[in-house]
Amino acid sequence: MRPSILDDLGILATLGWFCREYQKVYSKITIERKLEVEENEIPESIKTPIYRIIQEALNNVAKHSQADRVKLTLAKNDDRIELTVEDNGMGFDLEELFSGGRSRRGFGLSACGNGQNSPAVFS
């Protein structure tokens, strides 16, 4: 489940590689990366979840949002690592999305956070 590239390059370089590969496939989507954390500040135990959440979020942007810009921020805030993925796409109604049964939606958003307009936070 853990991509070997994380062990070889670390999370920050892996995110750079992933964003470059993504933009080769989705050339109309520009990714602005704002990485305000050092590699050694990110615990090993959360590197895979960070990578998988970004993978899922960017794939959802390409599939559903009709966005042409994504802002990806990874920052340290006190003793927490905060991950934010924002796009300029068409958006969706969170209430409507989360009020329906599971048969109407996948697990992507519920797996990535608390279903609110807040960053994924790792302590």
PDB file of N, CA and C in Angstrom:
ATOM      1  N   MET A   1       0.808  -1.190   0.000  1.00  0.00           N
ATOM      2  CA  MET A   1       0.000   0.000   0.000  1.00  0.00           C
ATOM      3  C   MET A   1       0.861   1.268   0.000  1.00  0.00           C
ATOM      4  N   ARG A   2       2.016   1.199   0.626  1.00  0.00           N
ATOM      5  CA  ARG A   2       2.905   2.368   0.650  1.00  0.00           C
ATOM      6  C   ARG A   2       3.740   2.385  -0.630  1.00  0.00           C
ATOM      7  N   PRO A   3       3.639   3.444  -1.405  1.00  0.00           N
ATOM      8  CA  PRO A   3       4.436   3.521  -2.624  1.00  0.00           C
ATOM      9  C   PRO A   3       5.928   3.592  -2.291  1.00  0.00           C
ATOM     10  N   SER A   4       6.733   2.818  -2.980  1.00  0.00           N
ATOM     11  CA  SER A   4       8.169   2.782  -2.697  1.00  0.00           C
ATOM     12  C   SER A   4       8.842   4.121  -2.971  1.00  0.00           C
ATOM     13  N   ILE A   5       8.238   4.938  -3.823  1.00  0.00           N
ATOM     14  CA  ILE A   5       8.808   6.252  -4.127  1.00  0.00           C
ATOM     15  C   ILE A   5       8.887   7.125  -2.864  1.00  0.00           C
ATOM     16  N   LEU A   6       7.977   6.914  -1.918  1.00  0.00           N
ATOM     17  CA  LEU A   6       8.037   7.671  -0.659  1.00  0.00           C
ATOM     18  C   LEU A   6       9.313   7.338   0.108  1.00  0.00           C
ATOM     19  N   ASP A   7       9.702   6.055   0.096  1.00  0.00           N
ATOM     20  CA  ASP A   7      10.934   5.643   0.780  1.00  0.00           C
ATOM     21  C   ASP A   7      12.162   6.138   0.025  1.00  0.00           C
ATOM     22  N   ASP A   8      12.069   6.154  -1.302  1.00  0.00           N
ATOM     23  CA  ASP A   8      13.210   6.546  -2.121  1.00  0.00           C
ATOM     24  C   ASP A   8      13.444   8.057  -2.124  1.00  0.00           C
ATOM     25  N   LEU A   9      12.364   8.835  -2.240  1.00  0.00           N
ATOM     26  CA  LEU A   9      12.494  10.286  -2.418  1.00  0.00           C
ATOM     27  C   LEU A   9      12.001  11.125  -1.247  1.00  0.00           C
ATOM     28  N   GLY A  10      11.091  10.581  -0.448  1.00  0.00           N
ATOM     29  CA  GLY A  10      10.442  11.369   0.598  1.00  0.00           C
ATOM     30  C   GLY A  10       9.143  11.953   0.077  1.00  0.00           C
ATOM     31  N   ILE A  11       8.313  12.464   0.964  1.00  0.00           N
ATOM     32  CA  ILE A  11       6.985  12.944   0.591  1.00  0.00           C
ATOM     33  C   ILE A  11       7.041  14.205  -0.274  1.00  0.00           C
ATOM     34  N   LEU A  12       7.923  15.141   0.020  1.00  0.00           N
ATOM     35  CA  LEU A  12       7.938  16.392  -0.725  1.00  0.00           C
ATOM     36  C   LEU A  12       8.359  16.183  -2.182  1.00  0.00           C
ATOM     37  N   ALA A  13       9.400  15.422  -2.403  1.00  0.00           N
ATOM     38  CA  ALA A  13       9.834  15.132  -3.771  1.00  0.00           C
ATOM     39  C   ALA A  13       8.799  14.269  -4.491  1.00  0.00           C
ATOM     40  N   THR A  14       8.169  13.355  -3.771  1.00  0.00           N
ATOM     41  CA  THR A  14       7.135  12.515  -4.366  1.00  0.00           C
ATOM     42  C   THR A  14       5.955  13.362  -4.813  1.00  0.00           C
ATOM     43  N   LEU A  15       5.566  14.333  -4.009  1.00  0.00           N
ATOM     44  CA  LEU A  15       4.472  15.222  -4.406  1.00  0.00           C
ATOM     45  C   LEU A  15       4.843  16.030  -5.647  1.00  0.00           C
ATOM     46  N   GLY A  16       6.082  16.477  -5.726  1.00  0.00           N
ATOM     47  CA  GLY A  16       6.538  17.177  -6.918  1.00  0.00           C
ATOM     48  C   GLY A  16       6.441  16.291  -8.146  1.00  0.00           C
ATOM     49  N   TRP A  17       6.914  15.054  -8.021  1.00  0.00           N
ATOM     50  CA  TRP A  17       6.843  14.098  -9.126  1.00  0.00           C
ATOM     51  C   TRP A  17       5.392  13.837  -9.514  1.00  0.00           C
ATOM     52  N   PHE A  18       4.532  13.591  -8.516  1.00  0.00           N
ATOM     53  CA  PHE A  18       3.132  13.286  -8.801  1.00  0.00           C
ATOM     54  C   PHE A  18       2.455  14.457  -9.530  1.00  0.00           C
ATOM     55  N   CYS A  19       2.702  15.671  -9.078  1.00  0.00           N
ATOM     56  CA  CYS A  19       2.091  16.849  -9.719  1.00  0.00           C
ATOM     57  C   CYS A  19       2.568  16.999 -11.157  1.00  0.00           C
ATOM     58  N   ARG A  20       3.851  16.754 -11.412  1.00  0.00           N
ATOM     59  CA  ARG A  20       4.363  16.833 -12.787  1.00  0.00           C
ATOM     60  C   ARG A  20       3.706  15.777 -13.676  1.00  0.00           C
ATOM     61  N   GLU A  21       3.585  14.553 -13.178  1.00  0.00           N
ATOM     62  CA  GLU A  21       2.954  13.475 -13.944  1.00  0.00           C
ATOM     63  C   GLU A  21       1.475  13.778 -14.188  1.00  0.00           C
ATOM     64  N   TYR A  22       0.812  14.288 -13.184  1.00  0.00           N
ATOM     65  CA  TYR A  22      -0.603  14.652 -13.294  1.00  0.00           C
ATOM     66  C   TYR A  22      -0.789  15.698 -14.387  1.00  0.00           C
ATOM     67  N   GLN A  23       0.076  16.713 -14.389  1.00  0.00           N
ATOM     68  CA  GLN A  23      -0.062  17.786 -15.365  1.00  0.00           C
ATOM     69  C   GLN A  23       0.275  17.331 -16.776  1.00  0.00           C
ATOM     70  N   LYS A  24       1.039  16.252 -16.929  1.00  0.00           N
ATOM     71  CA  LYS A  24       1.260  15.683 -18.256  1.00  0.00           C
ATOM     72  C   LYS A  24      -0.041  15.098 -18.802  1.00  0.00           C
ATOM     73  N   VAL A  25      -0.805  14.456 -17.928  1.00  0.00           N
ATOM     74  CA  VAL A  25      -2.067  13.832 -18.332  1.00  0.00           C
ATOM     75  C   VAL A  25      -3.173  14.882 -18.442  1.00  0.00           C
ATOM     76  N   TYR A  26      -3.258  15.772 -17.461  1.00  0.00           N
ATOM     77  CA  TYR A  26      -4.305  16.801 -17.409  1.00  0.00           C
ATOM     78  C   TYR A  26      -3.652  18.163 -17.646  1.00  0.00           C
ATOM     79  N   SER A  27      -3.231  18.391 -18.872  1.00  0.00           N
ATOM     80  CA  SER A  27      -2.437  19.579 -19.192  1.00  0.00           C
ATOM     81  C   SER A  27      -3.208  20.890 -19.053  1.00  0.00           C
ATOM     82  N   LYS A  28      -4.522  20.837 -19.004  1.00  0.00           N
ATOM     83  CA  LYS A  28      -5.320  22.061 -18.853  1.00  0.00           C
ATOM     84  C   LYS A  28      -5.504  22.463 -17.393  1.00  0.00           C
ATOM     85  N   ILE A  29      -5.011  21.626 -16.474  1.00  0.00           N
ATOM     86  CA  ILE A  29      -5.130  21.923 -15.042  1.00  0.00           C
ATOM     87  C   ILE A  29      -3.752  22.313 -14.514  1.00  0.00           C
ATOM     88  N   THR A  30      -3.665  23.523 -13.978  1.00  0.00           N
ATOM     89  CA  THR A  30      -2.423  24.013 -13.387  1.00  0.00           C
ATOM     90  C   THR A  30      -2.453  23.763 -11.885  1.00  0.00           C
ATOM     91  N   ILE A  31      -1.367  23.233 -11.357  1.00  0.00           N
ATOM     92  CA  ILE A  31      -1.264  22.997  -9.915  1.00  0.00           C
ATOM     93  C   ILE A  31      -0.269  23.978  -9.319  1.00  0.00           C
ATOM     94  N   GLU A  32      -0.735  24.729  -8.343  1.00  0.00           N
ATOM     95  CA  GLU A  32       0.137  25.623  -7.577  1.00  0.00           C
ATOM     96  C   GLU A  32       0.447  24.913  -6.268  1.00  0.00           C
ATOM     97  N   ARG A  33       1.712  24.575  -6.068  1.00  0.00           N
ATOM     98  CA  ARG A  33       2.123  23.888  -4.839  1.00  0.00           C
ATOM     99  C   ARG A  33       2.703  24.886  -3.853  1.00  0.00           C
ATOM    100  N   LYS A  34       2.236  24.794  -2.634  1.00  0.00           N
ATOM    101  CA  LYS A  34       2.747  25.646  -1.561  1.00  0.00           C
ATOM    102  C   LYS A  34       3.118  24.696  -0.419  1.00  0.00           C
ATOM    103  N   LEU A  35       4.382  24.285  -0.401  1.00  0.00           N
ATOM    104  CA  LEU A  35       4.850  23.329   0.590  1.00  0.00           C
ATOM    105  C   LEU A  35       5.644  24.079   1.648  1.00  0.00           C
ATOM    106  N   GLU A  36       5.007  24.283   2.793  1.00  0.00           N
ATOM    107  CA  GLU A  36       5.588  25.099   3.861  1.00  0.00           C
ATOM    108  C   GLU A  36       6.003  24.232   5.040  1.00  0.00           C
ATOM    109  N   VAL A  37       6.588  23.103   4.729  1.00  0.00           N
ATOM    110  CA  VAL A  37       7.002  22.160   5.760  1.00  0.00           C
ATOM    111  C   VAL A  37       8.266  21.469   5.261  1.00  0.00           C
ATOM    112  N   GLU A  38       9.118  21.098   6.178  1.00  0.00           N
ATOM    113  CA  GLU A  38      10.342  20.373   5.831  1.00  0.00           C
ATOM    114  C   GLU A  38      10.067  18.868   5.915  1.00  0.00           C
ATOM    115  N   GLU A  39      10.791  18.125   5.126  1.00  0.00           N
ATOM    116  CA  GLU A  39      10.626  16.657   5.089  1.00  0.00           C
ATOM    117  C   GLU A  39      10.695  16.042   6.490  1.00  0.00           C
ATOM    118  N   ASN A  40      11.657  16.473   7.279  1.00  0.00           N
ATOM    119  CA  ASN A  40      11.843  15.875   8.613  1.00  0.00           C
ATOM    120  C   ASN A  40      10.758  16.276   9.617  1.00  0.00           C
ATOM    121  N   GLU A  41       9.896  17.228   9.262  1.00  0.00           N
ATOM    122  CA  GLU A  41       8.797  17.634  10.143  1.00  0.00           C
ATOM    123  C   GLU A  41       7.547  16.765   9.946  1.00  0.00           C
ATOM    124  N   ILE A  42       7.560  15.929   8.927  1.00  0.00           N
ATOM    125  CA  ILE A  42       6.400  15.101   8.620  1.00  0.00           C
ATOM    126  C   ILE A  42       6.662  13.682   9.116  1.00  0.00           C
ATOM    127  N   PRO A  43       5.889  13.222  10.082  1.00  0.00           N
ATOM    128  CA  PRO A  43       6.089  11.865  10.593  1.00  0.00           C
ATOM    129  C   PRO A  43       5.880  10.813   9.500  1.00  0.00           C
ATOM    130  N   GLU A  44       6.682   9.769   9.535  1.00  0.00           N
ATOM    131  CA  GLU A  44       6.571   8.680   8.558  1.00  0.00           C
ATOM    132  C   GLU A  44       5.159   8.110   8.513  1.00  0.00           C
ATOM    133  N   SER A  45       4.512   8.052   9.664  1.00  0.00           N
ATOM    134  CA  SER A  45       3.188   7.422   9.753  1.00  0.00           C
ATOM    135  C   SER A  45       2.105   8.152   8.970  1.00  0.00           C
ATOM    136  N   ILE A  46       2.337   9.413   8.595  1.00  0.00           N
ATOM    137  CA  ILE A  46       1.295  10.132   7.848  1.00  0.00           C
ATOM    138  C   ILE A  46       1.679  10.436   6.402  1.00  0.00           C
ATOM    139  N   LYS A  47       2.865  10.039   5.983  1.00  0.00           N
ATOM    140  CA  LYS A  47       3.283  10.311   4.605  1.00  0.00           C
ATOM    141  C   LYS A  47       2.416   9.574   3.593  1.00  0.00           C
ATOM    142  N   THR A  48       2.101   8.314   3.846  1.00  0.00           N
ATOM    143  CA  THR A  48       1.242   7.576   2.911  1.00  0.00           C
ATOM    144  C   THR A  48      -0.163   8.161   2.878  1.00  0.00           C
ATOM    145  N   PRO A  49      -0.801   8.431   4.026  1.00  0.00           N
ATOM    146  CA  PRO A  49      -2.132   9.057   3.952  1.00  0.00           C
ATOM    147  C   PRO A  49      -2.132  10.400   3.226  1.00  0.00           C
ATOM    148  N   ILE A  50      -1.125  11.214   3.433  1.00  0.00           N
ATOM    149  CA  ILE A  50      -1.045  12.498   2.727  1.00  0.00           C
ATOM    150  C   ILE A  50      -0.997  12.254   1.224  1.00  0.00           C
ATOM    151  N   TYR A  51      -0.137  11.354   0.802  1.00  0.00           N
ATOM    152  CA  TYR A  51       0.000  11.054  -0.627  1.00  0.00           C
ATOM    153  C   TYR A  51      -1.308  10.523  -1.207  1.00  0.00           C
ATOM    154  N   ARG A  52      -1.962   9.598  -0.517  1.00  0.00           N
ATOM    155  CA  ARG A  52      -3.206   9.001  -1.018  1.00  0.00           C
ATOM    156  C   ARG A  52      -4.346  10.028  -1.059  1.00  0.00           C
ATOM    157  N   ILE A  53      -4.417  10.901  -0.074  1.00  0.00           N
ATOM    158  CA  ILE A  53      -5.456  11.939  -0.074  1.00  0.00           C
ATOM    159  C   ILE A  53      -5.253  12.885  -1.255  1.00  0.00           C
ATOM    160  N   ILE A  54      -4.009  13.274  -1.506  1.00  0.00           N
ATOM    161  CA  ILE A  54      -3.727  14.156  -2.640  1.00  0.00           C
ATOM    162  C   ILE A  54      -4.055  13.453  -3.952  1.00  0.00           C
ATOM    163  N   GLN A  55      -3.689  12.188  -4.055  1.00  0.00           N
ATOM    164  CA  GLN A  55      -4.045  11.411  -5.251  1.00  0.00           C
ATOM    165  C   GLN A  55      -5.551  11.438  -5.488  1.00  0.00           C
ATOM    166  N   GLU A  56      -6.311  11.115  -4.456  1.00  0.00           N
ATOM    167  CA  GLU A  56      -7.774  11.066  -4.561  1.00  0.00           C
ATOM    168  C   GLU A  56      -8.347  12.441  -4.886  1.00  0.00           C
ATOM    169  N   ALA A  57      -7.858  13.469  -4.206  1.00  0.00           N
ATOM    170  CA  ALA A  57      -8.379  14.816  -4.418  1.00  0.00           C
ATOM    171  C   ALA A  57      -8.115  15.292  -5.850  1.00  0.00           C
ATOM    172  N   LEU A  58      -6.894  15.089  -6.336  1.00  0.00           N
ATOM    173  CA  LEU A  58      -6.581  15.550  -7.684  1.00  0.00           C
ATOM    174  C   LEU A  58      -7.300  14.727  -8.750  1.00  0.00           C
ATOM    175  N   ASN A  59      -7.474  13.457  -8.506  1.00  0.00           N
ATOM    176  CA  ASN A  59      -8.261  12.650  -9.447  1.00  0.00           C
ATOM    177  C   ASN A  59      -9.709  13.131  -9.476  1.00  0.00           C
ATOM    178  N   ASN A  60     -10.257  13.493  -8.321  1.00  0.00           N
ATOM    179  CA  ASN A  60     -11.621  14.035  -8.277  1.00  0.00           C
ATOM    180  C   ASN A  60     -11.710  15.376  -8.990  1.00  0.00           C
ATOM    181  N   VAL A  61     -10.689  16.199  -8.868  1.00  0.00           N
ATOM    182  CA  VAL A  61     -10.672  17.473  -9.594  1.00  0.00           C
ATOM    183  C   VAL A  61     -10.779  17.198 -11.091  1.00  0.00           C
ATOM    184  N   ALA A  62      -9.971  16.272 -11.579  1.00  0.00           N
ATOM    185  CA  ALA A  62      -9.965  15.969 -13.016  1.00  0.00           C
ATOM    186  C   ALA A  62     -11.294  15.376 -13.478  1.00  0.00           C
ATOM    187  N   LYS A  63     -11.887  14.537 -12.655  1.00  0.00           N
ATOM    188  CA  LYS A  63     -13.125  13.845 -13.041  1.00  0.00           C
ATOM    189  C   LYS A  63     -14.365  14.712 -12.932  1.00  0.00           C
ATOM    190  N   HIS A  64     -14.441  15.537 -11.896  1.00  0.00           N
ATOM    191  CA  HIS A  64     -15.719  16.139 -11.537  1.00  0.00           C
ATOM    192  C   HIS A  64     -15.784  17.669 -11.527  1.00  0.00           C
ATOM    193  N   SER A  65     -14.685  18.352 -11.300  1.00  0.00           N
ATOM    194  CA  SER A  65     -14.789  19.773 -10.945  1.00  0.00           C
ATOM    195  C   SER A  65     -14.830  20.745 -12.122  1.00  0.00           C
ATOM    196  N   GLN A  66     -14.314  20.345 -13.250  1.00  0.00           N
ATOM    197  CA  GLN A  66     -14.165  21.240 -14.403  1.00  0.00           C
ATOM    198  C   GLN A  66     -13.247  22.429 -14.077  1.00  0.00           C
ATOM    199  N   ALA A  67     -12.336  22.216 -13.163  1.00  0.00           N
ATOM    200  CA  ALA A  67     -11.395  23.264 -12.758  1.00  0.00           C
ATOM    201  C   ALA A  67     -10.228  23.337 -13.737  1.00  0.00           C
ATOM    202  N   ASP A  68      -9.577  24.506 -13.747  1.00  0.00           N
ATOM    203  CA  ASP A  68      -8.327  24.613 -14.499  1.00  0.00           C
ATOM    204  C   ASP A  68      -7.163  25.047 -13.596  1.00  0.00           C
ATOM    205  N   ARG A  69      -7.463  25.245 -12.302  1.00  0.00           N
ATOM    206  CA  ARG A  69      -6.432  25.585 -11.324  1.00  0.00           C
ATOM    207  C   ARG A  69      -6.681  24.853 -10.018  1.00  0.00           C
ATOM    208  N   VAL A  70      -5.592  24.353  -9.445  1.00  0.00           N
ATOM    209  CA  VAL A  70      -5.644  23.690  -8.140  1.00  0.00           C
ATOM    210  C   VAL A  70      -4.539  24.294  -7.284  1.00  0.00           C
ATOM    211  N   LYS A  71      -4.872  24.573  -6.043  1.00  0.00           N
ATOM    212  CA  LYS A  71      -3.869  25.039  -5.080  1.00  0.00           C
ATOM    213  C   LYS A  71      -3.709  23.944  -4.034  1.00  0.00           C
ATOM    214  N   LEU A  72      -2.508  23.442  -3.923  1.00  0.00           N
ATOM    215  CA  LEU A  72      -2.175  22.377  -2.984  1.00  0.00           C
ATOM    216  C   LEU A  72      -1.248  22.958  -1.922  1.00  0.00           C
ATOM    217  N   THR A  73      -1.691  22.926  -0.676  1.00  0.00           N
ATOM    218  CA  THR A  73      -0.896  23.482   0.417  1.00  0.00           C
ATOM    219  C   THR A  73      -0.641  22.406   1.464  1.00  0.00           C
ATOM    220  N   LEU A  74       0.610  22.275   1.862  1.00  0.00           N
ATOM    221  CA  LEU A  74       1.005  21.385   2.943  1.00  0.00           C
ATOM    222  C   LEU A  74       1.845  22.229   3.891  1.00  0.00           C
ATOM    223  N   ALA A  75       1.354  22.393   5.117  1.00  0.00           N
ATOM    224  CA  ALA A  75       2.015  23.308   6.044  1.00  0.00           C
ATOM    225  C   ALA A  75       2.038  22.733   7.453  1.00  0.00           C
ATOM    226  N   LYS A  76       2.950  23.241   8.249  1.00  0.00           N
ATOM    227  CA  LYS A  76       3.016  22.891   9.665  1.00  0.00           C
ATOM    228  C   LYS A  76       2.395  24.042  10.439  1.00  0.00           C
ATOM    229  N   ASN A  77       1.477  23.708  11.332  1.00  0.00           N
ATOM    230  CA  ASN A  77       0.805  24.696  12.165  1.00  0.00           C
ATOM    231  C   ASN A  77       0.883  24.190  13.594  1.00  0.00           C
ATOM    232  N   ASP A  78       1.751  24.784  14.372  1.00  0.00           N
ATOM    233  CA  ASP A  78       2.049  24.305  15.725  1.00  0.00           C
ATOM    234  C   ASP A  78       2.521  22.862  15.636  1.00  0.00           C
ATOM    235  N   ASP A  79       1.796  21.932  16.257  1.00  0.00           N
ATOM    236  CA  ASP A  79       2.218  20.527  16.237  1.00  0.00           C
ATOM    237  C   ASP A  79       1.431  19.702  15.220  1.00  0.00           C
ATOM    238  N   ARG A  80       0.780  20.390  14.276  1.00  0.00           N
ATOM    239  CA  ARG A  80      -0.048  19.701  13.279  1.00  0.00           C
ATOM    240  C   ARG A  80       0.478  19.942  11.866  1.00  0.00           C
ATOM    241  N   ILE A  81       0.194  18.970  11.018  1.00  0.00           N
ATOM    242  CA  ILE A  81       0.440  19.120   9.589  1.00  0.00           C
ATOM    243  C   ILE A  81      -0.920  19.332   8.942  1.00  0.00           C
ATOM    244  N   GLU A  82      -1.070  20.402   8.161  1.00  0.00           N
ATOM    245  CA  GLU A  82      -2.342  20.704   7.502  1.00  0.00           C
ATOM    246  C   GLU A  82      -2.184  20.578   5.998  1.00  0.00           C
ATOM    247  N   LEU A  83      -3.120  19.870   5.414  1.00  0.00           N
ATOM    248  CA  LEU A  83      -3.168  19.665   3.976  1.00  0.00           C
ATOM    249  C   LEU A  83      -4.438  20.305   3.447  1.00  0.00           C
ATOM    250  N   THR A  84      -4.301  21.166   2.443  1.00  0.00           N
ATOM    251  CA  THR A  84      -5.457  21.802   1.818  1.00  0.00           C
ATOM    252  C   THR A  84      -5.340  21.643   0.311  1.00  0.00           C
ATOM    253  N   VAL A  85      -6.435  21.214  -0.316  1.00  0.00           N
ATOM    254  CA  VAL A  85      -6.524  21.141  -1.768  1.00  0.00           C
ATOM    255  C   VAL A  85      -7.732  21.972  -2.167  1.00  0.00           C
ATOM    256  N   GLU A  86      -7.489  23.046  -2.911  1.00  0.00           N
ATOM    257  CA  GLU A  86      -8.560  23.945  -3.365  1.00  0.00           C
ATOM    258  C   GLU A  86      -8.518  24.016  -4.883  1.00  0.00           C
ATOM    259  N   ASP A  87      -9.695  24.127  -5.504  1.00  0.00           N
ATOM    260  CA  ASP A  87      -9.725  24.312  -6.954  1.00  0.00           C
ATOM    261  C   ASP A  87     -10.749  25.384  -7.310  1.00  0.00           C
ATOM    262  N   ASN A  88     -10.719  25.813  -8.542  1.00  0.00           N
ATOM    263  CA  ASN A  88     -11.650  26.837  -9.010  1.00  0.00           C
ATOM    264  C   ASN A  88     -12.776  26.203  -9.830  1.00  0.00           C
ATOM    265  N   GLY A  89     -13.115  24.992  -9.502  1.00  0.00           N
ATOM    266  CA  GLY A  89     -14.147  24.267 -10.241  1.00  0.00           C
ATOM    267  C   GLY A  89     -15.553  24.666  -9.846  1.00  0.00           C
ATOM    268  N   MET A  90     -16.502  23.897 -10.365  1.00  0.00           N
ATOM    269  CA  MET A  90     -17.916  24.235 -10.208  1.00  0.00           C
ATOM    270  C   MET A  90     -18.461  23.966  -8.814  1.00  0.00           C
ATOM    271  N   GLY A  91     -17.766  23.215  -7.997  1.00  0.00           N
ATOM    272  CA  GLY A  91     -18.190  22.971  -6.628  1.00  0.00           C
ATOM    273  C   GLY A  91     -19.356  22.009  -6.523  1.00  0.00           C
ATOM    274  N   PHE A  92     -19.804  21.803  -5.290  1.00  0.00           N
ATOM    275  CA  PHE A  92     -20.925  20.913  -5.016  1.00  0.00           C
ATOM    276  C   PHE A  92     -21.517  21.283  -3.674  1.00  0.00           C
ATOM    277  N   ASP A  93     -22.707  20.820  -3.433  1.00  0.00           N
ATOM    278  CA  ASP A  93     -23.416  21.091  -2.192  1.00  0.00           C
ATOM    279  C   ASP A  93     -23.093  19.984  -1.189  1.00  0.00           C
ATOM    280  N   LEU A  94     -22.301  20.309  -0.149  1.00  0.00           N
ATOM    281  CA  LEU A  94     -21.908  19.309   0.843  1.00  0.00           C
ATOM    282  C   LEU A  94     -23.106  18.688   1.548  1.00  0.00           C
ATOM    283  N   GLU A  95     -24.087  19.523   1.901  1.00  0.00           N
ATOM    284  CA  GLU A  95     -25.276  19.002   2.589  1.00  0.00           C
ATOM    285  C   GLU A  95     -25.978  17.948   1.748  1.00  0.00           C
ATOM    286  N   GLU A  96     -26.178  18.261   0.495  1.00  0.00           N
ATOM    287  CA  GLU A  96     -26.841  17.320  -0.409  1.00  0.00           C
ATOM    288  C   GLU A  96     -26.010  16.056  -0.583  1.00  0.00           C
ATOM    289  N   LEU A  97     -24.713  16.226  -0.725  1.00  0.00           N
ATOM    290  CA  LEU A  97     -23.823  15.089  -0.928  1.00  0.00           C
ATOM    291  C   LEU A  97     -23.842  14.138   0.261  1.00  0.00           C
ATOM    292  N   PHE A  98     -23.763  14.680   1.475  1.00  0.00           N
ATOM    293  CA  PHE A  98     -23.676  13.837   2.657  1.00  0.00           C
ATOM    294  C   PHE A  98     -25.031  13.425   3.216  1.00  0.00           C
ATOM    295  N   SER A  99     -26.123  13.991   2.710  1.00  0.00           N
ATOM    296  CA  SER A  99     -27.442  13.594   3.192  1.00  0.00           C
ATOM    297  C   SER A  99     -27.936  12.332   2.498  1.00  0.00           C
ATOM    298  N   GLY A 100     -27.405  12.026   1.321  1.00  0.00           N
ATOM    299  CA  GLY A 100     -27.819  10.830   0.575  1.00  0.00           C
ATOM    300  C   GLY A 100     -27.199   9.576   1.155  1.00  0.00           C
ATOM    301  N   GLY A 101     -27.733   8.438   0.765  1.00  0.00           N
ATOM    302  CA  GLY A 101     -27.181   7.158   1.199  1.00  0.00           C
ATOM    303  C   GLY A 101     -25.872   6.864   0.504  1.00  0.00           C
ATOM    304  N   ARG A 102     -25.120   5.922   1.022  1.00  0.00           N
ATOM    305  CA  ARG A 102     -23.829   5.554   0.440  1.00  0.00           C
ATOM    306  C   ARG A 102     -23.950   5.071  -1.002  1.00  0.00           C
ATOM    307  N   SER A 103     -25.103   4.569  -1.375  1.00  0.00           N
ATOM    308  CA  SER A 103     -25.258   4.068  -2.741  1.00  0.00           C
ATOM    309  C   SER A 103     -25.149   5.191  -3.771  1.00  0.00           C
ATOM    310  N   ARG A 104     -25.324   6.438  -3.334  1.00  0.00           N
ATOM    311  CA  ARG A 104     -25.277   7.579  -4.255  1.00  0.00           C
ATOM    312  C   ARG A 104     -23.886   8.175  -4.380  1.00  0.00           C
ATOM    313  N   ARG A 105     -22.945   7.755  -3.557  1.00  0.00           N
ATOM    314  CA  ARG A 105     -21.624   8.375  -3.611  1.00  0.00           C
ATOM    315  C   ARG A 105     -20.544   7.357  -3.263  1.00  0.00           C
ATOM    316  N   GLY A 106     -19.327   7.722  -3.575  1.00  0.00           N
ATOM    317  CA  GLY A 106     -18.192   6.876  -3.236  1.00  0.00           C
ATOM    318  C   GLY A 106     -17.685   7.200  -1.844  1.00  0.00           C
ATOM    319  N   PHE A 107     -16.488   6.757  -1.554  1.00  0.00           N
ATOM    320  CA  PHE A 107     -15.902   6.962  -0.237  1.00  0.00           C
ATOM    321  C   PHE A 107     -14.862   8.070  -0.203  1.00  0.00           C
ATOM    322  N   GLY A 108     -14.573   8.683  -1.349  1.00  0.00           N
ATOM    323  CA  GLY A 108     -13.473   9.636  -1.453  1.00  0.00           C
ATOM    324  C   GLY A 108     -13.483  10.743  -0.435  1.00  0.00           C
ATOM    325  N   LEU A 109     -14.541  11.533  -0.377  1.00  0.00           N
ATOM    326  CA  LEU A 109     -14.572  12.666   0.554  1.00  0.00           C
ATOM    327  C   LEU A 109     -14.639  12.218   1.999  1.00  0.00           C
ATOM    328  N   SER A 110     -15.439  11.207   2.282  1.00  0.00           N
ATOM    329  CA  SER A 110     -15.544  10.767   3.672  1.00  0.00           C
ATOM    330  C   SER A 110     -14.240  10.162   4.159  1.00  0.00           C
ATOM    331  N   ALA A 111     -13.456   9.590   3.258  1.00  0.00           N
ATOM    332  CA  ALA A 111     -12.174   9.008   3.643  1.00  0.00           C
ATOM    333  C   ALA A 111     -11.102  10.079   3.835  1.00  0.00           C
ATOM    334  N   CYS A 112     -11.288  11.242   3.225  1.00  0.00           N
ATOM    335  CA  CYS A 112     -10.261  12.282   3.243  1.00  0.00           C
ATOM    336  C   CYS A 112     -10.396  13.265   4.392  1.00  0.00           C
ATOM    337  N   GLY A 113     -11.490  13.287   5.082  1.00  0.00           N
ATOM    338  CA  GLY A 113     -11.601  14.274   6.152  1.00  0.00           C
ATOM    339  C   GLY A 113     -12.938  14.189   6.831  1.00  0.00           C
ATOM    340  N   ASN A 114     -13.345  15.290   7.382  1.00  0.00           N
ATOM    341  CA  ASN A 114     -14.548  15.300   8.198  1.00  0.00           C
ATOM    342  C   ASN A 114     -15.793  15.733   7.440  1.00  0.00           C
ATOM    343  N   GLY A 115     -15.680  15.911   6.122  1.00  0.00           N
ATOM    344  CA  GLY A 115     -16.848  16.297   5.331  1.00  0.00           C
ATOM    345  C   GLY A 115     -17.225  17.755   5.455  1.00  0.00           C
ATOM    346  N   GLN A 116     -16.375  18.550   6.065  1.00  0.00           N
ATOM    347  CA  GLN A 116     -16.640  19.976   6.240  1.00  0.00           C
ATOM    348  C   GLN A 116     -15.671  20.760   5.369  1.00  0.00           C
ATOM    349  N   ASN A 117     -15.859  22.043   5.274  1.00  0.00           N
ATOM    350  CA  ASN A 117     -14.927  22.897   4.537  1.00  0.00           C
ATOM    351  C   ASN A 117     -13.735  23.222   5.413  1.00  0.00           C
ATOM    352  N   SER A 118     -12.924  22.234   5.695  1.00  0.00           N
ATOM    353  CA  SER A 118     -11.746  22.444   6.510  1.00  0.00           C
ATOM    354  C   SER A 118     -10.640  21.552   5.995  1.00  0.00           C
ATOM    355  N   PRO A 119      -9.387  21.905   6.284  1.00  0.00           N
ATOM    356  CA  PRO A 119      -8.286  21.102   5.786  1.00  0.00           C
ATOM    357  C   PRO A 119      -8.220  19.758   6.496  1.00  0.00           C
ATOM    358  N   ALA A 120      -7.580  18.814   5.831  1.00  0.00           N
ATOM    359  CA  ALA A 120      -7.239  17.564   6.497  1.00  0.00           C
ATOM    360  C   ALA A 120      -6.122  17.895   7.468  1.00  0.00           C
ATOM    361  N   VAL A 121      -6.268  17.529   8.703  1.00  0.00           N
ATOM    362  CA  VAL A 121      -5.285  17.863   9.723  1.00  0.00           C
ATOM    363  C   VAL A 121      -4.760  16.578  10.324  1.00  0.00           C
ATOM    364  N   PHE A 122      -3.450  16.490  10.407  1.00  0.00           N
ATOM    365  CA  PHE A 122      -2.805  15.332  11.009  1.00  0.00           C
ATOM    366  C   PHE A 122      -2.050  15.807  12.238  1.00  0.00           C
ATOM    367  N   SER A 123      -2.231  15.141  13.348  1.00  0.00           N
ATOM    368  CA  SER A 123      -1.489  15.502  14.554  1.00  0.00           C
ATOM    369  C   SER A 123      -0.414  14.485  14.842  1.00  0.00           C
TER     370      SER A 123
END
